[in-house]
Amino acid sequence: MIKENQKRYYQALEDSGSMGESTPFIEFMLEVISKSLKDYISQSKKNVPKDVLKNVPLKRVDEVVNIIKKDKNITISQIADLLSVSDKTVKRDIAKLKNEKKIVRVGGLKGGYWEVIDEN
């Protein structure tokens, strides 16, 4: 961002030097930081599943349950591959399912397995 605003950057430095105070430079930097954060937030929202943004469950969590029903020994990475999402996304979905008491992990990550809790 500084490189993109190089002229303004040097002008802010010059103004600060001639005024004997750092206010112009600080204001410039805060503006650049603010724009950077807004750009980052905007960009990161594109990578977050819509259910997280809207707090509405997507069918993906149901798919996770169905996958586990078919193979209780499946790994998070394997689920992620099947759904074409990241491991982090699957971990978030699994945390949600655990919290809703729809699935439990029996045993450890290496020797354990998933169990779907019967909804009846």
PDB file of N, CA and C in Angstrom:
ATOM      1  N   MET A   1       0.824  -1.196   0.000  1.00  0.00           N
ATOM      2  CA  MET A   1       0.000   0.000   0.000  1.00  0.00           C
ATOM      3  C   MET A   1       0.870   1.264   0.000  1.00  0.00           C
ATOM      4  N   ILE A   2       1.974   1.206   0.730  1.00  0.00           N
ATOM      5  CA  ILE A   2       2.857   2.373   0.775  1.00  0.00           C
ATOM      6  C   ILE A   2       3.415   2.645  -0.620  1.00  0.00           C
ATOM      7  N   LYS A   3       3.818   1.566  -1.293  1.00  0.00           N
ATOM      8  CA  LYS A   3       4.382   1.724  -2.630  1.00  0.00           C
ATOM      9  C   LYS A   3       3.357   2.343  -3.583  1.00  0.00           C
ATOM     10  N   GLU A   4       2.103   1.913  -3.442  1.00  0.00           N
ATOM     11  CA  GLU A   4       1.032   2.457  -4.281  1.00  0.00           C
ATOM     12  C   GLU A   4       0.803   3.942  -4.004  1.00  0.00           C
ATOM     13  N   ASN A   5       1.095   4.378  -2.800  1.00  0.00           N
ATOM     14  CA  ASN A   5       0.869   5.769  -2.389  1.00  0.00           C
ATOM     15  C   ASN A   5       2.179   6.470  -2.072  1.00  0.00           C
ATOM     16  N   GLN A   6       3.212   6.144  -2.816  1.00  0.00           N
ATOM     17  CA  GLN A   6       4.560   6.613  -2.524  1.00  0.00           C
ATOM     18  C   GLN A   6       4.659   8.140  -2.473  1.00  0.00           C
ATOM     19  N   LYS A   7       4.030   8.834  -3.414  1.00  0.00           N
ATOM     20  CA  LYS A   7       4.095  10.300  -3.434  1.00  0.00           C
ATOM     21  C   LYS A   7       3.456  10.880  -2.174  1.00  0.00           C
ATOM     22  N   ARG A   8       2.293  10.353  -1.807  1.00  0.00           N
ATOM     23  CA  ARG A   8       1.609  10.824  -0.593  1.00  0.00           C
ATOM     24  C   ARG A   8       2.416  10.492   0.659  1.00  0.00           C
ATOM     25  N   TYR A   9       3.074   9.351   0.650  1.00  0.00           N
ATOM     26  CA  TYR A   9       3.922   8.933   1.770  1.00  0.00           C
ATOM     27  C   TYR A   9       5.041   9.953   1.999  1.00  0.00           C
ATOM     28  N   TYR A  10       5.752  10.272   0.917  1.00  0.00           N
ATOM     29  CA  TYR A  10       6.850  11.233   1.047  1.00  0.00           C
ATOM     30  C   TYR A  10       6.329  12.635   1.386  1.00  0.00           C
ATOM     31  N   GLN A  11       5.173  12.979   0.862  1.00  0.00           N
ATOM     32  CA  GLN A  11       4.590  14.285   1.193  1.00  0.00           C
ATOM     33  C   GLN A  11       4.233  14.345   2.679  1.00  0.00           C
ATOM     34  N   ALA A  12       3.679  13.265   3.213  1.00  0.00           N
ATOM     35  CA  ALA A  12       3.339  13.218   4.637  1.00  0.00           C
ATOM     36  C   ALA A  12       4.596  13.330   5.488  1.00  0.00           C
ATOM     37  N   LEU A  13       5.684  12.669   5.067  1.00  0.00           N
ATOM     38  CA  LEU A  13       6.955  12.779   5.793  1.00  0.00           C
ATOM     39  C   LEU A  13       7.482  14.212   5.753  1.00  0.00           C
ATOM     40  N   GLU A  14       7.410  14.803   4.574  1.00  0.00           N
ATOM     41  CA  GLU A  14       7.899  16.170   4.412  1.00  0.00           C
ATOM     42  C   GLU A  14       7.066  17.147   5.251  1.00  0.00           C
ATOM     43  N   ASP A  15       5.737  16.988   5.202  1.00  0.00           N
ATOM     44  CA  ASP A  15       4.856  17.860   5.988  1.00  0.00           C
ATOM     45  C   ASP A  15       5.129  17.713   7.476  1.00  0.00           C
ATOM     46  N   SER A  16       5.339  16.497   7.921  1.00  0.00           N
ATOM     47  CA  SER A  16       5.634  16.263   9.336  1.00  0.00           C
ATOM     48  C   SER A  16       6.938  16.941   9.728  1.00  0.00           C
ATOM     49  N   GLY A  17       7.945  16.827   8.847  1.00  0.00           N
ATOM     50  CA  GLY A  17       9.245  17.444   9.135  1.00  0.00           C
ATOM     51  C   GLY A  17       9.158  18.952   9.198  1.00  0.00           C
ATOM     52  N   SER A  18       8.441  19.551   8.254  1.00  0.00           N
ATOM     53  CA  SER A  18       8.364  21.015   8.225  1.00  0.00           C
ATOM     54  C   SER A  18       7.496  21.562   9.359  1.00  0.00           C
ATOM     55  N   MET A  19       6.499  20.784   9.799  1.00  0.00           N
ATOM     56  CA  MET A  19       5.636  21.230  10.900  1.00  0.00           C
ATOM     57  C   MET A  19       6.257  20.948  12.266  1.00  0.00           C
ATOM     58  N   GLY A  20       7.221  20.041  12.270  1.00  0.00           N
ATOM     59  CA  GLY A  20       7.836  19.666  13.542  1.00  0.00           C
ATOM     60  C   GLY A  20       6.953  18.760  14.384  1.00  0.00           C
ATOM     61  N   GLU A  21       6.004  18.111  13.750  1.00  0.00           N
ATOM     62  CA  GLU A  21       5.147  17.145  14.461  1.00  0.00           C
ATOM     63  C   GLU A  21       4.771  16.021  13.503  1.00  0.00           C
ATOM     64  N   SER A  22       4.375  14.914  14.060  1.00  0.00           N
ATOM     65  CA  SER A  22       4.160  13.714  13.252  1.00  0.00           C
ATOM     66  C   SER A  22       2.714  13.535  12.782  1.00  0.00           C
ATOM     67  N   THR A  23       1.838  14.483  13.067  1.00  0.00           N
ATOM     68  CA  THR A  23       0.413  14.333  12.750  1.00  0.00           C
ATOM     69  C   THR A  23       0.136  13.986  11.284  1.00  0.00           C
ATOM     70  N   PRO A  24       0.707  14.687  10.305  1.00  0.00           N
ATOM     71  CA  PRO A  24       0.405  14.326   8.906  1.00  0.00           C
ATOM     72  C   PRO A  24       0.824  12.897   8.556  1.00  0.00           C
ATOM     73  N   PHE A  25       1.968  12.483   9.078  1.00  0.00           N
ATOM     74  CA  PHE A  25       2.442  11.131   8.791  1.00  0.00           C
ATOM     75  C   PHE A  25       1.538  10.086   9.463  1.00  0.00           C
ATOM     76  N   ILE A  26       1.168  10.341  10.718  1.00  0.00           N
ATOM     77  CA  ILE A  26       0.293   9.399  11.443  1.00  0.00           C
ATOM     78  C   ILE A  26      -1.054   9.288  10.743  1.00  0.00           C
ATOM     79  N   GLU A  27      -1.620  10.416  10.317  1.00  0.00           N
ATOM     80  CA  GLU A  27      -2.904  10.375   9.618  1.00  0.00           C
ATOM     81  C   GLU A  27      -2.794   9.586   8.316  1.00  0.00           C
ATOM     82  N   PHE A  28      -1.703   9.780   7.585  1.00  0.00           N
ATOM     83  CA  PHE A  28      -1.489   9.037   6.347  1.00  0.00           C
ATOM     84  C   PHE A  28      -1.414   7.533   6.642  1.00  0.00           C
ATOM     85  N   MET A  29      -0.622   7.173   7.638  1.00  0.00           N
ATOM     86  CA  MET A  29      -0.451   5.751   7.957  1.00  0.00           C
ATOM     87  C   MET A  29      -1.763   5.119   8.422  1.00  0.00           C
ATOM     88  N   LEU A  30      -2.523   5.835   9.245  1.00  0.00           N
ATOM     89  CA  LEU A  30      -3.811   5.297   9.703  1.00  0.00           C
ATOM     90  C   LEU A  30      -4.771   5.089   8.535  1.00  0.00           C
ATOM     91  N   GLU A  31      -4.752   6.002   7.590  1.00  0.00           N
ATOM     92  CA  GLU A  31      -5.589   5.870   6.398  1.00  0.00           C
ATOM     93  C   GLU A  31      -5.195   4.624   5.595  1.00  0.00           C
ATOM     94  N   VAL A  32      -3.890   4.425   5.425  1.00  0.00           N
ATOM     95  CA  VAL A  32      -3.393   3.264   4.675  1.00  0.00           C
ATOM     96  C   VAL A  32      -3.730   1.974   5.416  1.00  0.00           C
ATOM     97  N   ILE A  33      -3.548   1.962   6.720  1.00  0.00           N
ATOM     98  CA  ILE A  33      -3.864   0.767   7.521  1.00  0.00           C
ATOM     99  C   ILE A  33      -5.356   0.469   7.427  1.00  0.00           C
ATOM    100  N   SER A  34      -6.186   1.502   7.545  1.00  0.00           N
ATOM    101  CA  SER A  34      -7.636   1.318   7.461  1.00  0.00           C
ATOM    102  C   SER A  34      -8.040   0.718   6.115  1.00  0.00           C
ATOM    103  N   LYS A  35      -7.497   1.255   5.038  1.00  0.00           N
ATOM    104  CA  LYS A  35      -7.813   0.735   3.703  1.00  0.00           C
ATOM    105  C   LYS A  35      -7.330  -0.708   3.560  1.00  0.00           C
ATOM    106  N   SER A  36      -6.157  -1.002   4.091  1.00  0.00           N
ATOM    107  CA  SER A  36      -5.626  -2.367   4.025  1.00  0.00           C
ATOM    108  C   SER A  36      -6.542  -3.342   4.749  1.00  0.00           C
ATOM    109  N   LEU A  37      -7.007  -2.958   5.926  1.00  0.00           N
ATOM    110  CA  LEU A  37      -7.892  -3.831   6.696  1.00  0.00           C
ATOM    111  C   LEU A  37      -9.228  -4.036   5.980  1.00  0.00           C
ATOM    112  N   LYS A  38      -9.776  -2.962   5.413  1.00  0.00           N
ATOM    113  CA  LYS A  38     -11.041  -3.091   4.676  1.00  0.00           C
ATOM    114  C   LYS A  38     -10.882  -4.021   3.479  1.00  0.00           C
ATOM    115  N   ASP A  39      -9.762  -3.872   2.767  1.00  0.00           N
ATOM    116  CA  ASP A  39      -9.494  -4.759   1.626  1.00  0.00           C
ATOM    117  C   ASP A  39      -9.352  -6.207   2.077  1.00  0.00           C
ATOM    118  N   TYR A  40      -8.633  -6.412   3.182  1.00  0.00           N
ATOM    119  CA  TYR A  40      -8.420  -7.762   3.699  1.00  0.00           C
ATOM    120  C   TYR A  40      -9.747  -8.399   4.111  1.00  0.00           C
ATOM    121  N   ILE A  41     -10.574  -7.654   4.832  1.00  0.00           N
ATOM    122  CA  ILE A  41     -11.870  -8.181   5.278  1.00  0.00           C
ATOM    123  C   ILE A  41     -12.740  -8.515   4.081  1.00  0.00           C
ATOM    124  N   SER A  42     -12.767  -7.637   3.113  1.00  0.00           N
ATOM    125  CA  SER A  42     -13.558  -7.875   1.904  1.00  0.00           C
ATOM    126  C   SER A  42     -13.087  -9.132   1.188  1.00  0.00           C
ATOM    127  N   GLN A  43     -11.781  -9.296   1.064  1.00  0.00           N
ATOM    128  CA  GLN A  43     -11.199 -10.455   0.393  1.00  0.00           C
ATOM    129  C   GLN A  43     -11.460 -11.725   1.189  1.00  0.00           C
ATOM    130  N   SER A  44     -11.332 -11.668   2.508  1.00  0.00           N
ATOM    131  CA  SER A  44     -11.480 -12.879   3.324  1.00  0.00           C
ATOM    132  C   SER A  44     -12.924 -13.361   3.352  1.00  0.00           C
ATOM    133  N   LYS A  45     -13.887 -12.458   3.215  1.00  0.00           N
ATOM    134  CA  LYS A  45     -15.293 -12.868   3.198  1.00  0.00           C
ATOM    135  C   LYS A  45     -15.598 -13.735   1.994  1.00  0.00           C
ATOM    136  N   LYS A  46     -14.846 -13.566   0.928  1.00  0.00           N
ATOM    137  CA  LYS A  46     -15.055 -14.373  -0.270  1.00  0.00           C
ATOM    138  C   LYS A  46     -14.673 -15.826  -0.036  1.00  0.00           C
ATOM    139  N   ASN A  47     -13.805 -16.085   0.950  1.00  0.00           N
ATOM    140  CA  ASN A  47     -13.315 -17.433   1.208  1.00  0.00           C
ATOM    141  C   ASN A  47     -14.040 -18.124   2.356  1.00  0.00           C
ATOM    142  N   VAL A  48     -14.992 -17.446   2.981  1.00  0.00           N
ATOM    143  CA  VAL A  48     -15.713 -18.018   4.114  1.00  0.00           C
ATOM    144  C   VAL A  48     -17.033 -18.585   3.613  1.00  0.00           C
ATOM    145  N   PRO A  49     -17.369 -19.804   4.027  1.00  0.00           N
ATOM    146  CA  PRO A  49     -18.638 -20.378   3.595  1.00  0.00           C
ATOM    147  C   PRO A  49     -19.810 -19.473   3.981  1.00  0.00           C
ATOM    148  N   LYS A  50     -20.843 -19.450   3.152  1.00  0.00           N
ATOM    149  CA  LYS A  50     -21.988 -18.578   3.391  1.00  0.00           C
ATOM    150  C   LYS A  50     -22.678 -18.868   4.719  1.00  0.00           C
ATOM    151  N   ASP A  51     -22.650 -20.111   5.193  1.00  0.00           N
ATOM    152  CA  ASP A  51     -23.308 -20.419   6.456  1.00  0.00           C
ATOM    153  C   ASP A  51     -22.637 -19.715   7.624  1.00  0.00           C
ATOM    154  N   VAL A  52     -21.359 -19.468   7.527  1.00  0.00           N
ATOM    155  CA  VAL A  52     -20.656 -18.764   8.592  1.00  0.00           C
ATOM    156  C   VAL A  52     -21.042 -17.293   8.570  1.00  0.00           C
ATOM    157  N   LEU A  53     -21.140 -16.718   7.383  1.00  0.00           N
ATOM    158  CA  LEU A  53     -21.477 -15.304   7.264  1.00  0.00           C
ATOM    159  C   LEU A  53     -22.921 -15.036   7.672  1.00  0.00           C
ATOM    160  N   LYS A  54     -23.822 -15.911   7.301  1.00  0.00           N
ATOM    161  CA  LYS A  54     -25.236 -15.689   7.567  1.00  0.00           C
ATOM    162  C   LYS A  54     -25.720 -16.458   8.790  1.00  0.00           C
ATOM    163  N   ASN A  55     -24.877 -17.283   9.346  1.00  0.00           N
ATOM    164  CA  ASN A  55     -25.220 -18.107  10.501  1.00  0.00           C
ATOM    165  C   ASN A  55     -26.389 -19.043  10.189  1.00  0.00           C
ATOM    166  N   VAL A  56     -26.442 -19.495   8.934  1.00  0.00           N
ATOM    167  CA  VAL A  56     -27.469 -20.429   8.486  1.00  0.00           C
ATOM    168  C   VAL A  56     -26.787 -21.728   8.114  1.00  0.00           C
ATOM    169  N   PRO A  57     -27.287 -22.856   8.635  1.00  0.00           N
ATOM    170  CA  PRO A  57     -26.634 -24.123   8.307  1.00  0.00           C
ATOM    171  C   PRO A  57     -26.750 -24.453   6.822  1.00  0.00           C
ATOM    172  N   LEU A  58     -25.663 -24.887   6.257  1.00  0.00           N
ATOM    173  CA  LEU A  58     -25.652 -25.323   4.867  1.00  0.00           C
ATOM    174  C   LEU A  58     -25.828 -26.832   4.821  1.00  0.00           C
ATOM    175  N   LYS A  59     -26.099 -27.321   3.657  1.00  0.00           N
ATOM    176  CA  LYS A  59     -26.237 -28.762   3.504  1.00  0.00           C
ATOM    177  C   LYS A  59     -24.908 -29.478   3.710  1.00  0.00           C
ATOM    178  N   ARG A  60     -23.806 -28.745   3.650  1.00  0.00           N
ATOM    179  CA  ARG A  60     -22.497 -29.379   3.781  1.00  0.00           C
ATOM    180  C   ARG A  60     -22.374 -30.145   5.102  1.00  0.00           C
ATOM    181  N   VAL A  61     -22.902 -29.588   6.198  1.00  0.00           N
ATOM    182  CA  VAL A  61     -22.800 -30.302   7.468  1.00  0.00           C
ATOM    183  C   VAL A  61     -23.590 -31.609   7.423  1.00  0.00           C
ATOM    184  N   ASP A  62     -24.695 -31.603   6.683  1.00  0.00           N
ATOM    185  CA  ASP A  62     -25.452 -32.844   6.499  1.00  0.00           C
ATOM    186  C   ASP A  62     -24.645 -33.850   5.682  1.00  0.00           C
ATOM    187  N   GLU A  63     -23.905 -33.326   4.699  1.00  0.00           N
ATOM    188  CA  GLU A  63     -23.038 -34.197   3.904  1.00  0.00           C
ATOM    189  C   GLU A  63     -21.958 -34.821   4.787  1.00  0.00           C
ATOM    190  N   VAL A  64     -21.420 -34.030   5.723  1.00  0.00           N
ATOM    191  CA  VAL A  64     -20.401 -34.554   6.643  1.00  0.00           C
ATOM    192  C   VAL A  64     -20.991 -35.709   7.444  1.00  0.00           C
ATOM    193  N   VAL A  65     -22.202 -35.537   7.941  1.00  0.00           N
ATOM    194  CA  VAL A  65     -22.868 -36.600   8.712  1.00  0.00           C
ATOM    195  C   VAL A  65     -23.052 -37.838   7.841  1.00  0.00           C
ATOM    196  N   ASN A  66     -23.514 -37.662   6.609  1.00  0.00           N
ATOM    197  CA  ASN A  66     -23.723 -38.812   5.710  1.00  0.00           C
ATOM    198  C   ASN A  66     -22.412 -39.534   5.400  1.00  0.00           C
ATOM    199  N   ILE A  67     -21.353 -38.776   5.216  1.00  0.00           N
ATOM    200  CA  ILE A  67     -20.034 -39.378   4.948  1.00  0.00           C
ATOM    201  C   ILE A  67     -19.588 -40.203   6.148  1.00  0.00           C
ATOM    202  N   ILE A  68     -19.781 -39.656   7.339  1.00  0.00           N
ATOM    203  CA  ILE A  68     -19.388 -40.373   8.564  1.00  0.00           C
ATOM    204  C   ILE A  68     -20.232 -41.629   8.748  1.00  0.00           C
ATOM    205  N   LYS A  69     -21.514 -41.546   8.399  1.00  0.00           N
ATOM    206  CA  LYS A  69     -22.376 -42.726   8.496  1.00  0.00           C
ATOM    207  C   LYS A  69     -21.855 -43.855   7.616  1.00  0.00           C
ATOM    208  N   LYS A  70     -21.315 -43.505   6.437  1.00  0.00           N
ATOM    209  CA  LYS A  70     -20.794 -44.502   5.514  1.00  0.00           C
ATOM    210  C   LYS A  70     -19.451 -45.065   5.949  1.00  0.00           C
ATOM    211  N   ASP A  71     -18.640 -44.242   6.630  1.00  0.00           N
ATOM    212  CA  ASP A  71     -17.297 -44.679   7.045  1.00  0.00           C
ATOM    213  C   ASP A  71     -16.928 -43.994   8.351  1.00  0.00           C
ATOM    214  N   LYS A  72     -17.162 -44.689   9.456  1.00  0.00           N
ATOM    215  CA  LYS A  72     -16.931 -44.087  10.775  1.00  0.00           C
ATOM    216  C   LYS A  72     -15.443 -43.841  11.060  1.00  0.00           C
ATOM    217  N   ASN A  73     -14.561 -44.446  10.280  1.00  0.00           N
ATOM    218  CA  ASN A  73     -13.120 -44.282  10.482  1.00  0.00           C
ATOM    219  C   ASN A  73     -12.499 -43.212   9.584  1.00  0.00           C
ATOM    220  N   ILE A  74     -13.325 -42.510   8.840  1.00  0.00           N
ATOM    221  CA  ILE A  74     -12.822 -41.516   7.889  1.00  0.00           C
ATOM    222  C   ILE A  74     -12.103 -40.378   8.626  1.00  0.00           C
ATOM    223  N   THR A  75     -11.106 -39.819   7.962  1.00  0.00           N
ATOM    224  CA  THR A  75     -10.343 -38.721   8.559  1.00  0.00           C
ATOM    225  C   THR A  75     -10.888 -37.366   8.093  1.00  0.00           C
ATOM    226  N   ILE A  76     -10.505 -36.344   8.799  1.00  0.00           N
ATOM    227  CA  ILE A  76     -10.902 -34.983   8.426  1.00  0.00           C
ATOM    228  C   ILE A  76     -10.382 -34.649   7.033  1.00  0.00           C
ATOM    229  N   SER A  77      -9.158 -35.029   6.762  1.00  0.00           N
ATOM    230  CA  SER A  77      -8.573 -34.755   5.437  1.00  0.00           C
ATOM    231  C   SER A  77      -9.350 -35.461   4.331  1.00  0.00           C
ATOM    232  N   GLN A  78      -9.770 -36.685   4.579  1.00  0.00           N
ATOM    233  CA  GLN A  78     -10.532 -37.421   3.577  1.00  0.00           C
ATOM    234  C   GLN A  78     -11.899 -36.775   3.341  1.00  0.00           C
ATOM    235  N   ILE A  79     -12.535 -36.305   4.416  1.00  0.00           N
ATOM    236  CA  ILE A  79     -13.813 -35.610   4.283  1.00  0.00           C
ATOM    237  C   ILE A  79     -13.614 -34.336   3.469  1.00  0.00           C
ATOM    238  N   ALA A  80     -12.556 -33.598   3.791  1.00  0.00           N
ATOM    239  CA  ALA A  80     -12.253 -32.349   3.074  1.00  0.00           C
ATOM    240  C   ALA A  80     -12.065 -32.621   1.584  1.00  0.00           C
ATOM    241  N   ASP A  81     -11.346 -33.686   1.258  1.00  0.00           N
ATOM    242  CA  ASP A  81     -11.134 -34.042  -0.150  1.00  0.00           C
ATOM    243  C   ASP A  81     -12.458 -34.377  -0.845  1.00  0.00           C
ATOM    244  N   LEU A  82     -13.302 -35.139  -0.163  1.00  0.00           N
ATOM    245  CA  LEU A  82     -14.591 -35.517  -0.755  1.00  0.00           C
ATOM    246  C   LEU A  82     -15.485 -34.307  -1.008  1.00  0.00           C
ATOM    247  N   LEU A  83     -15.399 -33.317  -0.119  1.00  0.00           N
ATOM    248  CA  LEU A  83     -16.258 -32.141  -0.242  1.00  0.00           C
ATOM    249  C   LEU A  83     -15.580 -30.981  -0.967  1.00  0.00           C
ATOM    250  N   SER A  84     -14.318 -31.178  -1.334  1.00  0.00           N
ATOM    251  CA  SER A  84     -13.533 -30.125  -2.001  1.00  0.00           C
ATOM    252  C   SER A  84     -13.491 -28.835  -1.186  1.00  0.00           C
ATOM    253  N   VAL A  85     -13.227 -28.996   0.112  1.00  0.00           N
ATOM    254  CA  VAL A  85     -13.057 -27.858   1.014  1.00  0.00           C
ATOM    255  C   VAL A  85     -11.776 -28.076   1.804  1.00  0.00           C
ATOM    256  N   SER A  86     -11.406 -27.103   2.604  1.00  0.00           N
ATOM    257  CA  SER A  86     -10.190 -27.217   3.403  1.00  0.00           C
ATOM    258  C   SER A  86     -10.439 -28.037   4.665  1.00  0.00           C
ATOM    259  N   ASP A  87      -9.349 -28.543   5.237  1.00  0.00           N
ATOM    260  CA  ASP A  87      -9.442 -29.254   6.506  1.00  0.00           C
ATOM    261  C   ASP A  87     -10.058 -28.356   7.571  1.00  0.00           C
ATOM    262  N   LYS A  88      -9.693 -27.081   7.533  1.00  0.00           N
ATOM    263  CA  LYS A  88     -10.196 -26.120   8.516  1.00  0.00           C
ATOM    264  C   LYS A  88     -11.716 -26.000   8.432  1.00  0.00           C
ATOM    265  N   THR A  89     -12.256 -26.008   7.228  1.00  0.00           N
ATOM    266  CA  THR A  89     -13.703 -25.932   7.036  1.00  0.00           C
ATOM    267  C   THR A  89     -14.375 -27.166   7.628  1.00  0.00           C
ATOM    268  N   VAL A  90     -13.801 -28.335   7.384  1.00  0.00           N
ATOM    269  CA  VAL A  90     -14.371 -29.576   7.935  1.00  0.00           C
ATOM    270  C   VAL A  90     -14.284 -29.559   9.458  1.00  0.00           C
ATOM    271  N   LYS A  91     -13.168 -29.097   9.987  1.00  0.00           N
ATOM    272  CA  LYS A  91     -13.032 -29.009  11.452  1.00  0.00           C
ATOM    273  C   LYS A  91     -14.101 -28.100  12.041  1.00  0.00           C
ATOM    274  N   ARG A  92     -14.386 -26.997  11.351  1.00  0.00           N
ATOM    275  CA  ARG A  92     -15.425 -26.068  11.813  1.00  0.00           C
ATOM    276  C   ARG A  92     -16.796 -26.751  11.763  1.00  0.00           C
ATOM    277  N   ASP A  93     -17.062 -27.486  10.678  1.00  0.00           N
ATOM    278  CA  ASP A  93     -18.333 -28.201  10.564  1.00  0.00           C
ATOM    279  C   ASP A  93     -18.459 -29.281  11.637  1.00  0.00           C
ATOM    280  N   ILE A  94     -17.380 -29.992  11.878  1.00  0.00           N
ATOM    281  CA  ILE A  94     -17.399 -31.049  12.889  1.00  0.00           C
ATOM    282  C   ILE A  94     -17.599 -30.457  14.279  1.00  0.00           C
ATOM    283  N   ALA A  95     -16.962 -29.334  14.553  1.00  0.00           N
ATOM    284  CA  ALA A  95     -17.146 -28.667  15.848  1.00  0.00           C
ATOM    285  C   ALA A  95     -18.621 -28.288  16.037  1.00  0.00           C
ATOM    286  N   LYS A  96     -19.225 -27.796  14.957  1.00  0.00           N
ATOM    287  CA  LYS A  96     -20.642 -27.430  15.013  1.00  0.00           C
ATOM    288  C   LYS A  96     -21.503 -28.671  15.277  1.00  0.00           C
ATOM    289  N   LEU A  97     -21.214 -29.758  14.577  1.00  0.00           N
ATOM    290  CA  LEU A  97     -21.971 -31.001  14.757  1.00  0.00           C
ATOM    291  C   LEU A  97     -21.788 -31.566  16.164  1.00  0.00           C
ATOM    292  N   LYS A  98     -20.574 -31.485  16.683  1.00  0.00           N
ATOM    293  CA  LYS A  98     -20.323 -31.937  18.059  1.00  0.00           C
ATOM    294  C   LYS A  98     -21.100 -31.080  19.044  1.00  0.00           C
ATOM    295  N   ASN A  99     -21.063 -29.779  18.832  1.00  0.00           N
ATOM    296  CA  ASN A  99     -21.750 -28.847  19.710  1.00  0.00           C
ATOM    297  C   ASN A  99     -23.261 -29.093  19.714  1.00  0.00           C
ATOM    298  N   GLU A 100     -23.786 -29.460  18.558  1.00  0.00           N
ATOM    299  CA  GLU A 100     -25.214 -29.755  18.428  1.00  0.00           C
ATOM    300  C   GLU A 100     -25.528 -31.196  18.844  1.00  0.00           C
ATOM    301  N   LYS A 101     -24.495 -31.896  19.303  1.00  0.00           N
ATOM    302  CA  LYS A 101     -24.624 -33.277  19.765  1.00  0.00           C
ATOM    303  C   LYS A 101     -25.179 -34.204  18.685  1.00  0.00           C
ATOM    304  N   LYS A 102     -24.695 -33.985  17.446  1.00  0.00           N
ATOM    305  CA  LYS A 102     -25.094 -34.838  16.327  1.00  0.00           C
ATOM    306  C   LYS A 102     -24.057 -35.915  16.049  1.00  0.00           C
ATOM    307  N   ILE A 103     -22.806 -35.646  16.430  1.00  0.00           N
ATOM    308  CA  ILE A 103     -21.743 -36.641  16.293  1.00  0.00           C
ATOM    309  C   ILE A 103     -20.845 -36.576  17.534  1.00  0.00           C
ATOM    310  N   VAL A 104     -20.146 -37.680  17.771  1.00  0.00           N
ATOM    311  CA  VAL A 104     -19.130 -37.713  18.834  1.00  0.00           C
ATOM    312  C   VAL A 104     -17.924 -38.459  18.301  1.00  0.00           C
ATOM    313  N   ARG A 105     -16.800 -38.163  18.860  1.00  0.00           N
ATOM    314  CA  ARG A 105     -15.572 -38.889  18.537  1.00  0.00           C
ATOM    315  C   ARG A 105     -15.357 -39.893  19.651  1.00  0.00           C
ATOM    316  N   VAL A 106     -15.245 -41.147  19.274  1.00  0.00           N
ATOM    317  CA  VAL A 106     -14.985 -42.214  20.242  1.00  0.00           C
ATOM    318  C   VAL A 106     -13.517 -42.586  20.109  1.00  0.00           C
ATOM    319  N   GLY A 107     -12.745 -42.407  21.168  1.00  0.00           N
ATOM    320  CA  GLY A 107     -11.311 -42.682  21.114  1.00  0.00           C
ATOM    321  C   GLY A 107     -10.546 -41.497  20.568  1.00  0.00           C
ATOM    322  N   GLY A 108      -9.265 -41.699  20.368  1.00  0.00           N
ATOM    323  CA  GLY A 108      -8.378 -40.633  19.918  1.00  0.00           C
ATOM    324  C   GLY A 108      -8.433 -40.418  18.418  1.00  0.00           C
ATOM    325  N   LEU A 109      -7.668 -39.452  17.959  1.00  0.00           N
ATOM    326  CA  LEU A 109      -7.640 -39.136  16.530  1.00  0.00           C
ATOM    327  C   LEU A 109      -7.054 -40.277  15.709  1.00  0.00           C
ATOM    328  N   LYS A 110      -6.075 -40.973  16.252  1.00  0.00           N
ATOM    329  CA  LYS A 110      -5.431 -42.044  15.476  1.00  0.00           C
ATOM    330  C   LYS A 110      -6.219 -43.350  15.506  1.00  0.00           C
ATOM    331  N   GLY A 111      -6.650 -43.777  16.673  1.00  0.00           N
ATOM    332  CA  GLY A 111      -7.306 -45.082  16.755  1.00  0.00           C
ATOM    333  C   GLY A 111      -8.806 -45.011  16.919  1.00  0.00           C
ATOM    334  N   GLY A 112      -9.343 -43.806  16.995  1.00  0.00           N
ATOM    335  CA  GLY A 112     -10.764 -43.658  17.259  1.00  0.00           C
ATOM    336  C   GLY A 112     -11.610 -43.664  16.006  1.00  0.00           C
ATOM    337  N   TYR A 113     -12.888 -43.401  16.206  1.00  0.00           N
ATOM    338  CA  TYR A 113     -13.833 -43.356  15.095  1.00  0.00           C
ATOM    339  C   TYR A 113     -14.955 -42.380  15.431  1.00  0.00           C
ATOM    340  N   TRP A 114     -15.711 -42.015  14.411  1.00  0.00           N
ATOM    341  CA  TRP A 114     -16.831 -41.103  14.572  1.00  0.00           C
ATOM    342  C   TRP A 114     -18.105 -41.898  14.832  1.00  0.00           C
ATOM    343  N   GLU A 115     -18.962 -41.338  15.620  1.00  0.00           N
ATOM    344  CA  GLU A 115     -20.260 -41.969  15.857  1.00  0.00           C
ATOM    345  C   GLU A 115     -21.348 -40.916  15.653  1.00  0.00           C
ATOM    346  N   VAL A 116     -22.307 -41.239  14.783  1.00  0.00           N
ATOM    347  CA  VAL A 116     -23.443 -40.348  14.568  1.00  0.00           C
ATOM    348  C   VAL A 116     -24.479 -40.668  15.635  1.00  0.00           C
ATOM    349  N   ILE A 117     -24.936 -39.625  16.304  1.00  0.00           N
ATOM    350  CA  ILE A 117     -25.923 -39.808  17.370  1.00  0.00           C
ATOM    351  C   ILE A 117     -27.297 -39.882  16.728  1.00  0.00           C
ATOM    352  N   ASP A 118     -28.004 -40.961  17.044  1.00  0.00           N
ATOM    353  CA  ASP A 118     -29.328 -41.189  16.464  1.00  0.00           C
ATOM    354  C   ASP A 118     -30.287 -40.089  16.887  1.00  0.00           C
ATOM    355  N   GLU A 119     -30.997 -39.542  15.922  1.00  0.00           N
ATOM    356  CA  GLU A 119     -31.892 -38.412  16.187  1.00  0.00           C
ATOM    357  C   GLU A 119     -33.234 -38.831  16.764  1.00  0.00           C
ATOM    358  N   ASN A 120     -33.507 -40.094  16.908  1.00  0.00           N
ATOM    359  CA  ASN A 120     -34.810 -40.563  17.425  1.00  0.00           C
ATOM    360  C   ASN A 120     -34.933 -40.352  18.890  1.00  0.00           C
TER     361      ASN A 120
END
